Amino acid sequence: MKKLLALLLVSSMLSSFILIAWATDDFEQVDNTRKTVTEEVYEVPNDIELTVPEEIEQQGDGDVTAEKPEDTEIILVEEAVPASEVGEQTDIIIENTVIVETKHQPLVTTPSAITIKEGSYSIGGENIDFNTSIIQPFSSEFNINPNNGGFSSAPAILINTGSTALILKANSCISIGENTPKVVRVDKFQNWLSLGRKDTASNIALGIQIRSADGLEVCKYWFDDESSQRSEVVCVIQPEARISIQLIAKHGMSWVGYHTFQYRCLLEFETLPIQVKVQVETL
C-alpha cells in the first residue's frame, strides 16, 4: 500500500513541473487548438526550493498554482505497522470450565470384625450407657433391729441392657461421720452376736449379695477394712440378665437408743469386649 501511494505522489509532482513551465513562459494566451511546443524548456535551478503542498488547489478553468519543484529523491522505507495502529487490542479471557463427571461405582460388601467395648445397664429405673468401665454409687437403705432379726435392707434391681457381658466389681464402702461404725473384715470377730456396746457401736462388716431373677443366690462379697479396700471382682452379668443387688451385714446386738448410720458404697462395672462380624460396604 505504501508503494502505490509513493508512485501517485511522483506523478503529481511531474504534472506540476509541466504546468509551471506553461504558466511562467512569455507566450500569449493559448487557445483551445492543439499546438506543438517548440520553445525552449525552462529548467528550474537546483538552488530554488520548491515544495509541493499535500493538496493542489485548482483556480478557475484549469489554472493551477504551485511552488517551484526541487530535485527530490524519494526513498521508500518499509516499516512494521505497530499493533496499536492495526486496531484496538481486546483482551479475551477464557474461563476454564471443569466438568466433573460422577460415576456411581458399585458398593463392595466385605465381611469384617469389629470390637464392641460399650456397655449398658439399668438400675433403679435409670438406664446408663458407658464405655469400657464406670463407677456406680450403690444406694440402699438398711435397718438394724435387735429385737426383730437384726439387719435388713431393700434390694436394687439391675438389668444388663447392652450386648456385652458386665463384670461387677465391689469398689469401696466407707462410713460417713464419727458416730458411724467403721467397716471391718467379716472375720474380725468369731461371734458377732456376743459383742458388747463398745464393739457394737464401733464395728460392722458390710457386703453385697447377688441373686438371680428367680431368687437364687449367685454370689456374695464382703468388703475389707476401710483402710485396705480395693476393687475386686464379684460376678459376671450376661446380656439381658436381670439380678438383684442387696446390702448385707454382720454386727453386734448391744445397741443403745436409736441411731442413723450412713455409708458411701461404690460398685464398678466393666465390659467384656466382644468381636462381632459385620458386613462393611466400601467403594
Protein backbone atom coordinates (compact mmCIF):
# COMPACT_ATOMS: atom_id res chain seq x y z
CA MET A 1 0.00 0.00 0.00
CA LYS A 2 2.88 2.37 0.72
CA LYS A 3 4.47 1.75 -2.68
CA LEU A 4 1.31 2.64 -4.54
CA LEU A 5 0.97 5.89 -2.58
CA ALA A 6 4.55 6.91 -3.49
CA LEU A 7 4.01 6.42 -7.24
CA LEU A 8 0.95 8.61 -7.18
CA LEU A 9 2.90 11.32 -5.43
CA VAL A 10 5.66 11.32 -8.07
CA SER A 11 3.16 11.56 -10.92
CA SER A 12 1.55 14.56 -9.30
CA MET A 13 4.88 16.29 -8.97
CA LEU A 14 5.80 15.76 -12.65
CA SER A 15 2.50 17.19 -13.76
CA SER A 16 3.20 20.22 -11.60
CA PHE A 17 6.54 20.76 -13.32
CA ILE A 18 4.94 20.91 -16.78
CA LEU A 19 2.20 23.20 -15.61
CA ILE A 20 4.77 25.58 -14.16
CA ALA A 21 6.60 25.71 -17.48
CA TRP A 22 3.43 26.80 -19.22
CA ALA A 23 2.48 29.27 -16.56
CA THR A 24 5.85 31.07 -16.47
CA ASP A 25 6.69 31.27 -20.25
CA ASP A 26 6.22 34.67 -22.13
CA PHE A 27 3.64 33.47 -24.64
CA GLU A 28 0.26 34.83 -25.35
CA GLN A 29 -2.86 33.12 -24.14
CA VAL A 30 -3.15 29.69 -25.65
CA ASP A 31 -6.32 28.88 -27.48
CA ASN A 32 -8.09 25.59 -27.39
CA THR A 33 -6.47 24.31 -30.64
CA ARG A 34 -3.67 21.80 -30.47
CA LYS A 35 -0.16 23.28 -30.84
CA THR A 36 3.29 21.83 -30.98
CA VAL A 37 5.53 23.27 -28.35
CA THR A 38 8.95 24.24 -29.86
CA GLU A 39 10.05 26.77 -27.35
CA GLU A 40 12.96 26.15 -25.08
CA VAL A 41 12.07 24.23 -21.96
CA TYR A 42 12.54 26.19 -18.80
CA GLU A 43 14.86 24.48 -16.35
CA VAL A 44 14.48 25.02 -12.69
CA PRO A 45 17.75 25.78 -10.88
CA ASN A 46 18.71 23.43 -8.11
CA ASP A 47 19.10 26.26 -5.60
CA ILE A 48 15.41 27.18 -5.76
CA GLU A 49 13.42 25.49 -3.02
CA LEU A 50 10.11 24.19 -4.14
CA THR A 51 7.56 22.42 -2.03
CA VAL A 52 4.53 20.57 -3.18
CA PRO A 53 1.55 21.01 -0.94
CA GLU A 54 -0.38 17.94 0.10
CA GLU A 55 -3.42 19.23 -1.72
CA ILE A 56 -3.29 21.20 -5.02
CA GLU A 57 -5.85 23.94 -5.24
CA GLN A 58 -7.35 24.50 -8.68
CA GLN A 59 -8.44 28.03 -9.61
CA GLY A 60 -10.68 28.96 -12.46
CA ASP A 61 -10.81 26.78 -15.55
CA GLY A 62 -7.80 24.50 -15.07
CA ASP A 63 -5.39 27.15 -13.69
CA VAL A 64 -3.07 25.54 -11.17
CA THR A 65 -0.90 27.39 -8.66
CA ALA A 66 2.11 25.56 -7.23
CA GLU A 67 5.55 26.29 -5.87
CA LYS A 68 8.78 25.52 -7.74
CA PRO A 69 9.89 21.93 -7.53
CA GLU A 70 13.15 20.58 -6.28
CA ASP A 71 15.06 17.55 -7.38
CA THR A 72 13.88 15.25 -4.67
CA GLU A 73 14.86 11.64 -4.09
CA ILE A 74 12.03 9.58 -2.77
CA ILE A 75 13.09 6.73 -0.52
CA LEU A 76 10.55 4.14 0.48
CA VAL A 77 11.11 2.65 3.90
CA GLU A 78 9.23 -0.46 4.86
CA GLU A 79 8.14 -0.14 8.44
CA ALA A 80 6.36 -2.59 10.61
CA VAL A 81 2.96 -1.35 11.46
CA PRO A 82 2.60 -1.08 15.24
CA ALA A 83 -0.06 -3.29 16.75
CA SER A 84 -1.70 -0.17 18.20
CA GLU A 85 -2.37 1.18 14.65
CA VAL A 86 -3.92 -2.05 13.40
CA GLY A 87 -6.83 -1.83 15.69
CA GLU A 88 -7.80 -1.75 19.31
CA GLN A 89 -6.49 -4.77 21.14
CA THR A 90 -9.03 -6.53 23.25
CA ASP A 91 -8.08 -8.95 25.99
CA ILE A 92 -10.13 -12.09 25.66
CA ILE A 93 -10.45 -14.06 28.88
CA ILE A 94 -11.42 -17.66 28.51
CA GLU A 95 -12.67 -19.12 31.72
CA ASN A 96 -11.59 -22.64 32.45
CA THR A 97 -14.60 -24.86 32.72
CA VAL A 98 -14.14 -28.03 34.74
CA ILE A 99 -16.62 -30.75 34.04
CA VAL A 100 -16.85 -33.25 36.85
CA GLU A 101 -18.40 -36.49 35.90
CA THR A 102 -19.75 -38.52 38.78
CA LYS A 103 -19.56 -42.19 38.24
CA HIS A 104 -21.56 -44.38 40.54
CA GLN A 105 -19.31 -47.24 41.41
CA PRO A 106 -20.88 -50.38 42.79
CA LEU A 107 -20.57 -50.93 46.53
CA VAL A 108 -18.41 -53.83 47.59
CA THR A 109 -19.59 -55.70 50.66
CA THR A 110 -16.88 -57.43 52.64
CA PRO A 111 -17.09 -59.21 55.99
CA SER A 112 -15.18 -57.56 58.82
CA ALA A 113 -14.82 -57.99 62.55
CA ILE A 114 -15.34 -55.10 64.96
CA THR A 115 -14.75 -54.97 68.70
CA ILE A 116 -17.53 -53.70 70.94
CA LYS A 117 -16.38 -52.21 74.24
CA GLU A 118 -19.53 -50.31 75.19
CA GLY A 119 -21.83 -51.42 77.97
CA SER A 120 -25.30 -50.54 79.18
CA TYR A 121 -27.37 -51.35 82.23
CA SER A 122 -30.46 -50.23 84.07
CA ILE A 123 -30.50 -49.78 87.83
CA GLY A 124 -33.25 -48.23 89.91
CA GLY A 125 -35.21 -47.46 86.71
CA GLU A 126 -32.36 -45.38 85.22
CA ASN A 127 -30.57 -46.59 82.06
CA ILE A 128 -26.83 -45.90 81.93
CA ASP A 129 -24.55 -46.23 78.86
CA PHE A 130 -20.79 -46.29 79.27
CA ASN A 131 -17.54 -47.19 77.51
CA THR A 132 -15.24 -49.85 79.00
CA SER A 133 -15.83 -49.08 82.69
CA ILE A 134 -17.85 -46.97 85.10
CA ILE A 135 -18.20 -46.48 88.87
CA GLN A 136 -21.75 -46.61 90.19
CA PRO A 137 -22.82 -45.42 93.66
CA PHE A 138 -24.88 -48.10 95.38
CA SER A 139 -27.85 -46.60 97.16
CA SER A 140 -29.60 -48.76 99.70
CA GLU A 141 -31.37 -48.26 102.99
CA PHE A 142 -30.96 -50.69 105.83
CA ASN A 143 -32.26 -51.12 109.36
CA ILE A 144 -30.81 -52.84 112.39
CA ASN A 145 -33.46 -54.07 114.80
CA PRO A 146 -32.02 -56.21 117.62
CA ASN A 147 -35.49 -57.38 118.60
CA ASN A 148 -36.55 -58.44 115.12
CA GLY A 149 -33.77 -60.36 113.42
CA GLY A 150 -31.18 -57.64 113.28
CA PHE A 151 -30.15 -56.28 109.83
CA SER A 152 -32.49 -55.76 106.81
CA SER A 153 -32.12 -53.84 103.51
CA ALA A 154 -34.02 -53.30 100.26
CA PRO A 155 -32.56 -54.91 97.09
CA ALA A 156 -31.78 -52.91 93.92
CA ILE A 157 -32.74 -54.43 90.56
CA LEU A 158 -30.09 -54.34 87.80
CA ILE A 159 -30.60 -55.39 84.17
CA ASN A 160 -27.82 -55.75 81.61
CA THR A 161 -29.30 -53.85 78.64
CA GLY A 162 -26.15 -53.96 76.47
CA SER A 163 -24.68 -56.52 74.10
CA THR A 164 -21.55 -57.11 76.18
CA ALA A 165 -21.22 -59.06 79.41
CA LEU A 166 -20.61 -56.91 82.51
CA ILE A 167 -18.04 -57.58 85.18
CA LEU A 168 -19.45 -56.45 88.54
CA LYS A 169 -16.78 -55.26 90.97
CA ALA A 170 -17.01 -54.12 94.58
CA ASN A 171 -15.07 -50.86 94.69
CA SER A 172 -15.39 -49.50 98.24
CA CYS A 173 -17.73 -48.97 101.16
CA ILE A 174 -16.73 -46.36 103.76
CA SER A 175 -18.51 -44.96 106.81
CA ILE A 176 -19.51 -41.29 106.96
CA GLY A 177 -19.42 -39.45 110.32
CA GLU A 178 -17.60 -40.09 113.60
CA ASN A 179 -20.51 -41.91 115.28
CA THR A 180 -20.99 -44.39 112.44
CA PRO A 181 -19.44 -47.86 112.97
CA LYS A 182 -16.38 -48.48 110.79
CA VAL A 183 -16.40 -51.13 108.10
CA VAL A 184 -14.13 -54.03 109.08
CA ARG A 185 -13.38 -57.51 107.80
CA VAL A 186 -16.17 -60.02 108.26
CA ASP A 187 -13.81 -62.42 110.11
CA LYS A 188 -12.64 -59.86 112.66
CA PHE A 189 -14.89 -61.45 115.28
CA GLN A 190 -15.75 -65.10 115.74
CA ASN A 191 -19.19 -64.37 117.23
CA TRP A 192 -20.69 -61.03 116.28
CA LEU A 193 -23.79 -61.54 118.37
CA SER A 194 -21.73 -61.57 121.57
CA LEU A 195 -20.17 -58.13 121.10
CA GLY A 196 -20.52 -55.59 123.87
CA ARG A 197 -21.76 -52.00 123.49
CA LYS A 198 -18.35 -50.53 122.62
CA ASP A 199 -17.51 -53.05 119.88
CA THR A 200 -21.08 -52.98 118.61
CA ALA A 201 -21.00 -49.18 118.23
CA SER A 202 -17.53 -49.22 116.60
CA ASN A 203 -17.51 -52.14 114.13
CA ILE A 204 -19.64 -53.51 111.31
CA ALA A 205 -18.99 -55.84 108.38
CA LEU A 206 -20.76 -54.92 105.13
CA GLY A 207 -21.05 -56.78 101.85
CA ILE A 208 -23.31 -57.33 98.84
CA GLN A 209 -25.33 -60.34 97.84
CA ILE A 210 -26.27 -61.04 94.21
CA ARG A 211 -29.40 -63.05 93.41
CA SER A 212 -30.82 -64.15 90.06
CA ALA A 213 -34.30 -63.25 88.80
CA ASP A 214 -35.73 -66.42 90.39
CA GLY A 215 -34.27 -65.54 93.82
CA LEU A 216 -31.28 -67.90 93.82
CA GLU A 217 -28.02 -66.59 95.25
CA VAL A 218 -25.43 -66.03 92.52
CA CYS A 219 -22.54 -64.71 94.62
CA LYS A 220 -21.65 -62.88 97.82
CA TYR A 221 -18.88 -60.41 98.65
CA TRP A 222 -17.62 -58.80 101.90
CA PHE A 223 -15.76 -55.50 101.96
CA ASP A 224 -12.33 -55.28 103.60
CA ASP A 225 -11.28 -52.82 106.30
CA GLU A 226 -11.81 -49.23 105.21
CA SER A 227 -8.07 -48.63 105.08
CA SER A 228 -7.41 -51.70 102.90
CA GLN A 229 -10.25 -51.74 100.41
CA ARG A 230 -9.57 -52.21 96.71
CA SER A 231 -11.66 -53.01 93.64
CA GLU A 232 -12.39 -56.74 93.37
CA VAL A 233 -14.49 -58.87 91.00
CA VAL A 234 -17.81 -60.06 92.40
CA CYS A 235 -19.51 -61.73 89.41
CA VAL A 236 -20.21 -61.53 85.66
CA ILE A 237 -23.62 -60.43 84.37
CA GLN A 238 -24.56 -61.70 80.91
CA PRO A 239 -26.50 -59.59 78.36
CA GLU A 240 -30.23 -59.34 79.14
CA ALA A 241 -29.65 -60.86 82.58
CA ARG A 242 -31.70 -59.49 85.48
CA ILE A 243 -30.26 -59.59 89.01
CA SER A 244 -30.85 -58.06 92.43
CA ILE A 245 -28.07 -56.48 94.49
CA GLN A 246 -28.64 -56.34 98.22
CA LEU A 247 -26.53 -54.96 101.06
CA ILE A 248 -25.72 -57.50 103.82
CA ALA A 249 -24.02 -57.04 107.22
CA LYS A 250 -22.52 -58.62 110.36
CA HIS A 251 -22.81 -56.57 113.57
CA GLY A 252 -23.22 -56.69 117.32
CA MET A 253 -26.58 -56.57 119.11
CA SER A 254 -25.75 -54.30 122.03
CA TRP A 255 -27.32 -51.11 120.74
CA VAL A 256 -28.45 -48.29 122.95
CA GLY A 257 -31.07 -45.89 121.64
CA TYR A 258 -31.98 -45.12 118.01
CA HIS A 259 -29.17 -44.40 115.50
CA THR A 260 -28.93 -43.33 111.90
CA PHE A 261 -25.86 -44.51 110.04
CA GLN A 262 -24.61 -43.51 106.61
CA TYR A 263 -22.13 -45.26 104.28
CA ARG A 264 -20.77 -44.47 100.87
CA CYS A 265 -20.63 -47.69 98.88
CA LEU A 266 -19.39 -47.82 95.28
CA LEU A 267 -19.74 -50.55 92.67
CA GLU A 268 -17.79 -50.75 89.44
CA PHE A 269 -18.93 -52.15 86.09
CA GLU A 270 -16.52 -53.18 83.36
CA THR A 271 -17.35 -54.58 79.95
CA LEU A 272 -16.05 -57.81 78.47
CA PRO A 273 -15.20 -56.71 74.89
CA ILE A 274 -16.60 -58.91 72.16
CA GLN A 275 -15.87 -59.22 68.46
CA VAL A 276 -18.77 -59.11 66.06
CA LYS A 277 -18.68 -59.94 62.37
CA VAL A 278 -20.37 -57.30 60.25
CA GLN A 279 -20.73 -56.61 56.55
CA VAL A 280 -18.83 -53.45 55.61
CA GLU A 281 -19.77 -51.65 52.38
CA THR A 282 -16.89 -49.95 50.55
CA LEU A 283 -16.50 -48.32 47.14
